[in-house]
């Protein structure tokens, strides 16, 4: 399954540079966590302060609820998320208390005649 999620970064050149540097090589525990929970591919793109994360998941393994529950109970993952919150800001459409929000698919060339 493919998903597209959006998030904003705080509008600070220094914070954005630090965020990008941290994502050049994420903590091994975070990478392992993503893979073991059924995320088969993940890419993050940036335009200004807006981030777009494309994520492919193995539908037989990935569960958004289990993913969130496990993350909330793992000290390394909560430390990573706490650190990331220093850089992140909600989009104008992000519900209170949430971070990444899923974007709606409005066009798919493969579905065109």
N, C-alpha and C. Protein backbone atom coordinates (compact mmCIF):
# COMPACT_ATOMS: atom_id res chain seq x y z
N UNK A 1 0.85 -1.18 0.00
CA UNK A 1 0.00 0.00 0.00
C UNK A 1 0.89 1.24 0.00
N UNK A 2 0.53 2.23 -0.80
CA UNK A 2 1.26 3.49 -0.84
C UNK A 2 0.51 4.54 -0.04
N UNK A 3 1.28 5.35 0.68
CA UNK A 3 0.68 6.45 1.45
C UNK A 3 1.53 7.70 1.22
N UNK A 4 0.89 8.84 1.24
CA UNK A 4 1.58 10.13 1.13
C UNK A 4 1.18 10.95 2.34
N UNK A 5 2.17 11.31 3.15
CA UNK A 5 1.90 12.06 4.38
C UNK A 5 2.62 13.40 4.33
N UNK A 6 2.02 14.40 4.96
CA UNK A 6 2.55 15.76 4.91
C UNK A 6 2.81 16.29 6.33
N UNK A 7 3.81 17.15 6.41
CA UNK A 7 4.19 17.78 7.66
C UNK A 7 4.96 19.04 7.32
N UNK A 8 4.93 20.01 8.19
CA UNK A 8 5.72 21.21 8.00
C UNK A 8 6.91 21.22 8.95
N UNK A 9 7.93 21.96 8.57
CA UNK A 9 9.06 22.21 9.45
C UNK A 9 8.98 23.65 9.95
N UNK A 10 9.58 23.90 11.08
CA UNK A 10 9.67 25.27 11.58
C UNK A 10 10.52 26.06 10.59
N UNK A 11 10.14 27.31 10.38
CA UNK A 11 10.78 28.14 9.37
C UNK A 11 12.09 28.72 9.91
N UNK A 12 13.11 27.86 9.93
CA UNK A 12 14.43 28.25 10.41
C UNK A 12 15.47 27.53 9.56
N UNK A 13 16.30 28.27 8.88
CA UNK A 13 17.32 27.67 8.02
C UNK A 13 18.21 26.71 8.81
N UNK A 14 18.59 27.11 10.03
CA UNK A 14 19.46 26.25 10.84
C UNK A 14 18.75 24.96 11.27
N UNK A 15 17.50 25.07 11.69
CA UNK A 15 16.76 23.87 12.10
C UNK A 15 16.52 22.94 10.92
N UNK A 16 16.21 23.49 9.75
CA UNK A 16 15.99 22.67 8.57
C UNK A 16 17.27 21.94 8.18
N UNK A 17 18.40 22.64 8.23
CA UNK A 17 19.68 22.00 7.91
C UNK A 17 19.98 20.88 8.90
N UNK A 18 19.70 21.09 10.17
CA UNK A 18 19.93 20.06 11.18
C UNK A 18 19.00 18.86 10.96
N UNK A 19 17.74 19.13 10.64
CA UNK A 19 16.77 18.06 10.38
C UNK A 19 17.23 17.20 9.20
N UNK A 20 17.65 17.86 8.13
CA UNK A 20 18.11 17.11 6.96
C UNK A 20 19.35 16.30 7.29
N UNK A 21 20.27 16.88 8.05
CA UNK A 21 21.49 16.15 8.43
C UNK A 21 21.14 14.91 9.24
N UNK A 22 20.18 15.02 10.14
CA UNK A 22 19.79 13.87 10.96
C UNK A 22 19.14 12.77 10.12
N UNK A 23 18.55 13.14 8.99
CA UNK A 23 17.89 12.15 8.14
C UNK A 23 18.82 11.56 7.08
N UNK A 24 20.03 12.06 6.98
CA UNK A 24 20.98 11.43 6.04
C UNK A 24 21.35 10.04 6.52
N UNK A 25 21.34 9.86 7.84
CA UNK A 25 21.57 8.53 8.42
C UNK A 25 20.85 8.49 9.76
N UNK A 26 19.62 7.97 9.73
CA UNK A 26 18.81 7.92 10.95
C UNK A 26 19.38 6.87 11.89
N UNK A 27 18.93 6.92 13.12
CA UNK A 27 19.39 5.94 14.11
C UNK A 27 19.04 4.53 13.62
N UNK A 28 19.94 3.57 13.80
CA UNK A 28 19.67 2.20 13.34
C UNK A 28 18.40 1.61 13.95
N UNK A 29 18.11 1.93 15.21
CA UNK A 29 16.91 1.40 15.87
C UNK A 29 15.64 1.91 15.18
N UNK A 30 15.69 3.14 14.69
CA UNK A 30 14.53 3.70 13.99
C UNK A 30 14.34 3.00 12.66
N UNK A 31 15.43 2.80 11.91
CA UNK A 31 15.34 2.09 10.63
C UNK A 31 14.83 0.66 10.83
N UNK A 32 15.34 -0.02 11.85
CA UNK A 32 14.88 -1.38 12.14
C UNK A 32 13.41 -1.40 12.48
N UNK A 33 12.97 -0.44 13.28
CA UNK A 33 11.56 -0.33 13.68
C UNK A 33 10.67 -0.18 12.45
N UNK A 34 11.05 0.71 11.54
CA UNK A 34 10.26 0.93 10.33
C UNK A 34 10.14 -0.36 9.52
N UNK A 35 11.27 -1.01 9.32
CA UNK A 35 11.27 -2.22 8.50
C UNK A 35 10.50 -3.37 9.16
N UNK A 36 10.68 -3.57 10.45
CA UNK A 36 10.00 -4.69 11.10
C UNK A 36 8.50 -4.49 11.22
N UNK A 37 8.04 -3.26 11.07
CA UNK A 37 6.60 -2.99 11.14
C UNK A 37 5.95 -2.89 9.76
N UNK A 38 6.67 -3.37 8.73
CA UNK A 38 6.05 -3.50 7.42
C UNK A 38 6.23 -2.32 6.49
N UNK A 39 7.11 -1.39 6.81
CA UNK A 39 7.38 -0.28 5.89
C UNK A 39 8.50 -0.75 4.96
N UNK A 40 8.17 -0.89 3.69
CA UNK A 40 9.11 -1.43 2.73
C UNK A 40 9.88 -0.34 1.98
N UNK A 41 9.33 0.86 1.97
CA UNK A 41 10.00 1.98 1.30
C UNK A 41 9.50 3.27 1.93
N UNK A 42 10.42 4.22 2.15
CA UNK A 42 10.03 5.51 2.69
C UNK A 42 10.98 6.57 2.12
N UNK A 43 10.40 7.64 1.62
CA UNK A 43 11.16 8.77 1.11
C UNK A 43 10.52 10.04 1.64
N UNK A 44 11.35 11.02 1.98
CA UNK A 44 10.84 12.32 2.42
C UNK A 44 11.40 13.38 1.49
N UNK A 45 10.50 14.21 0.95
CA UNK A 45 10.86 15.31 0.07
C UNK A 45 10.54 16.62 0.78
N UNK A 46 11.28 17.68 0.44
CA UNK A 46 11.03 18.99 1.06
C UNK A 46 10.93 20.07 -0.01
N UNK A 47 9.97 20.96 0.17
CA UNK A 47 9.84 22.18 -0.61
C UNK A 47 9.63 23.29 0.39
N UNK A 48 10.63 24.14 0.58
CA UNK A 48 10.53 25.17 1.60
C UNK A 48 10.43 24.51 2.97
N UNK A 49 9.34 24.78 3.67
CA UNK A 49 9.14 24.17 4.98
C UNK A 49 8.18 22.97 4.94
N UNK A 50 7.65 22.66 3.78
CA UNK A 50 6.68 21.56 3.66
C UNK A 50 7.40 20.25 3.32
N UNK A 51 7.06 19.20 4.07
CA UNK A 51 7.61 17.87 3.82
C UNK A 51 6.53 16.98 3.24
N UNK A 52 6.94 16.09 2.35
CA UNK A 52 6.07 15.08 1.77
C UNK A 52 6.77 13.73 1.95
N UNK A 53 6.13 12.83 2.68
CA UNK A 53 6.69 11.51 2.90
C UNK A 53 5.89 10.49 2.09
N UNK A 54 6.59 9.78 1.21
CA UNK A 54 5.98 8.69 0.46
C UNK A 54 6.39 7.41 1.14
N UNK A 55 5.40 6.60 1.45
CA UNK A 55 5.64 5.40 2.22
C UNK A 55 4.91 4.23 1.56
N UNK A 56 5.64 3.14 1.38
CA UNK A 56 5.02 1.91 0.89
C UNK A 56 5.07 0.90 2.02
N UNK A 57 3.94 0.22 2.23
CA UNK A 57 3.85 -0.74 3.33
C UNK A 57 3.42 -2.10 2.83
N UNK A 58 3.82 -3.10 3.56
CA UNK A 58 3.38 -4.46 3.32
C UNK A 58 2.06 -4.63 4.05
N UNK A 59 0.97 -4.72 3.31
CA UNK A 59 -0.36 -4.79 3.90
C UNK A 59 -0.56 -5.97 4.84
N UNK A 60 0.23 -7.03 4.67
CA UNK A 60 0.10 -8.19 5.55
C UNK A 60 0.75 -7.95 6.90
N UNK A 61 1.64 -6.96 6.99
CA UNK A 61 2.38 -6.70 8.23
C UNK A 61 2.00 -5.37 8.87
N UNK A 62 1.86 -4.32 8.05
CA UNK A 62 1.70 -2.97 8.58
C UNK A 62 0.31 -2.73 9.18
N UNK A 63 0.30 -2.18 10.37
CA UNK A 63 -0.92 -1.73 11.03
C UNK A 63 -0.60 -0.38 11.65
N UNK A 64 -1.30 0.66 11.23
CA UNK A 64 -1.04 2.00 11.76
C UNK A 64 -1.21 2.05 13.27
N UNK A 65 -2.21 1.36 13.80
CA UNK A 65 -2.45 1.37 15.24
C UNK A 65 -1.32 0.67 15.99
N UNK A 66 -0.92 -0.52 15.52
CA UNK A 66 0.17 -1.25 16.16
C UNK A 66 1.47 -0.47 16.07
N UNK A 67 1.69 0.18 14.93
CA UNK A 67 2.88 1.01 14.71
C UNK A 67 2.94 2.12 15.76
N UNK A 68 1.84 2.83 15.96
CA UNK A 68 1.79 3.93 16.93
C UNK A 68 1.92 3.42 18.36
N UNK A 69 1.24 2.32 18.68
CA UNK A 69 1.30 1.77 20.03
C UNK A 69 2.71 1.34 20.40
N UNK A 70 3.37 0.65 19.49
CA UNK A 70 4.73 0.18 19.75
C UNK A 70 5.67 1.36 19.91
N UNK A 71 5.53 2.34 19.05
CA UNK A 71 6.39 3.53 19.11
C UNK A 71 6.24 4.23 20.46
N UNK A 72 5.04 4.35 20.94
CA UNK A 72 4.77 5.05 22.19
C UNK A 72 5.38 4.35 23.40
N UNK A 73 5.66 3.06 23.28
CA UNK A 73 6.19 2.28 24.40
C UNK A 73 7.67 1.94 24.28
N UNK A 74 8.33 2.50 23.28
CA UNK A 74 9.75 2.21 23.08
C UNK A 74 10.57 3.46 23.41
N UNK A 75 11.48 3.39 24.39
CA UNK A 75 12.21 4.58 24.82
C UNK A 75 13.08 5.21 23.74
N UNK A 76 13.68 4.40 22.87
CA UNK A 76 14.51 4.96 21.80
C UNK A 76 13.65 5.70 20.80
N UNK A 77 12.50 5.11 20.43
CA UNK A 77 11.62 5.74 19.46
C UNK A 77 10.97 7.00 20.02
N UNK A 78 10.61 6.98 21.30
CA UNK A 78 10.04 8.20 21.88
C UNK A 78 11.10 9.29 21.98
N UNK A 79 12.35 8.91 22.22
CA UNK A 79 13.43 9.90 22.23
C UNK A 79 13.62 10.51 20.84
N UNK A 80 13.58 9.67 19.79
CA UNK A 80 13.71 10.15 18.41
C UNK A 80 12.55 11.11 18.09
N UNK A 81 11.33 10.71 18.43
CA UNK A 81 10.17 11.56 18.14
C UNK A 81 10.23 12.87 18.92
N UNK A 82 10.69 12.81 20.14
CA UNK A 82 10.84 14.03 20.94
C UNK A 82 11.87 14.96 20.30
N UNK A 83 12.96 14.41 19.84
CA UNK A 83 13.98 15.20 19.16
C UNK A 83 13.43 15.81 17.87
N UNK A 84 12.67 15.02 17.10
CA UNK A 84 12.12 15.51 15.84
C UNK A 84 11.11 16.64 16.05
N UNK A 85 10.42 16.64 17.19
CA UNK A 85 9.42 17.68 17.44
C UNK A 85 10.05 19.06 17.54
N UNK A 86 11.33 19.12 17.80
CA UNK A 86 12.07 20.40 17.83
C UNK A 86 12.03 21.07 16.46
N UNK A 87 11.93 20.28 15.41
CA UNK A 87 11.99 20.79 14.04
C UNK A 87 10.62 20.92 13.39
N UNK A 88 9.66 20.14 13.85
CA UNK A 88 8.40 19.97 13.14
C UNK A 88 7.32 20.96 13.59
N UNK A 89 6.45 21.26 12.64
CA UNK A 89 5.29 22.11 12.89
C UNK A 89 4.09 21.51 12.16
N UNK A 90 2.90 21.64 12.69
CA UNK A 90 1.73 21.09 11.98
C UNK A 90 1.42 21.91 10.73
N UNK A 91 0.86 21.25 9.73
CA UNK A 91 0.35 21.98 8.58
C UNK A 91 -0.92 22.72 9.04
N UNK A 92 -1.43 23.64 8.25
CA UNK A 92 -2.69 24.29 8.63
C UNK A 92 -3.87 23.32 8.70
N UNK A 93 -3.72 22.11 8.14
CA UNK A 93 -4.81 21.13 8.08
C UNK A 93 -4.60 19.97 9.04
N UNK A 94 -3.59 20.06 9.88
CA UNK A 94 -3.28 18.97 10.81
C UNK A 94 -4.19 19.05 12.03
N UNK A 95 -4.88 17.95 12.35
CA UNK A 95 -5.72 17.95 13.56
C UNK A 95 -4.86 18.15 14.81
N UNK A 96 -5.41 18.77 15.84
CA UNK A 96 -4.66 18.99 17.08
C UNK A 96 -4.08 17.69 17.63
N UNK A 97 -2.83 17.75 18.07
CA UNK A 97 -2.18 16.60 18.65
C UNK A 97 -1.58 15.62 17.66
N UNK A 98 -1.72 15.86 16.39
CA UNK A 98 -1.19 14.96 15.36
C UNK A 98 0.06 15.58 14.74
N UNK A 99 0.81 14.75 13.99
CA UNK A 99 2.00 15.23 13.29
C UNK A 99 1.79 15.08 11.79
N UNK A 100 2.25 13.96 11.27
CA UNK A 100 2.09 13.69 9.85
C UNK A 100 0.61 13.45 9.55
N UNK A 101 0.11 14.05 8.46
CA UNK A 101 -1.27 13.81 8.03
C UNK A 101 -1.27 13.29 6.61
N UNK A 102 -2.18 12.36 6.36
CA UNK A 102 -2.23 11.74 5.04
C UNK A 102 -2.88 12.67 4.02
N UNK A 103 -2.24 12.76 2.85
CA UNK A 103 -2.77 13.56 1.75
C UNK A 103 -3.71 12.69 0.93
N UNK A 104 -4.71 13.31 0.34
CA UNK A 104 -5.67 12.59 -0.50
C UNK A 104 -5.10 12.42 -1.90
N UNK A 105 -5.21 11.22 -2.44
CA UNK A 105 -4.80 10.96 -3.82
C UNK A 105 -5.87 11.54 -4.75
N UNK A 106 -5.46 12.45 -5.63
CA UNK A 106 -6.43 13.04 -6.55
C UNK A 106 -6.16 12.69 -8.01
N UNK A 107 -4.99 12.11 -8.30
CA UNK A 107 -4.68 11.71 -9.66
C UNK A 107 -3.72 10.54 -9.65
N UNK A 108 -3.97 9.57 -10.55
CA UNK A 108 -3.09 8.41 -10.68
C UNK A 108 -3.06 8.06 -12.18
N UNK A 109 -1.92 8.28 -12.81
CA UNK A 109 -1.79 8.05 -14.25
C UNK A 109 -2.12 6.61 -14.60
N UNK A 110 -1.80 5.67 -13.72
CA UNK A 110 -2.06 4.25 -14.02
C UNK A 110 -3.54 3.95 -14.15
N UNK A 111 -4.39 4.83 -13.66
CA UNK A 111 -5.85 4.63 -13.74
C UNK A 111 -6.46 5.34 -14.95
N UNK A 112 -5.62 5.94 -15.77
CA UNK A 112 -6.10 6.67 -16.93
C UNK A 112 -6.12 5.77 -18.16
N UNK A 113 -7.10 5.98 -19.03
CA UNK A 113 -7.15 5.17 -20.27
C UNK A 113 -5.98 5.49 -21.20
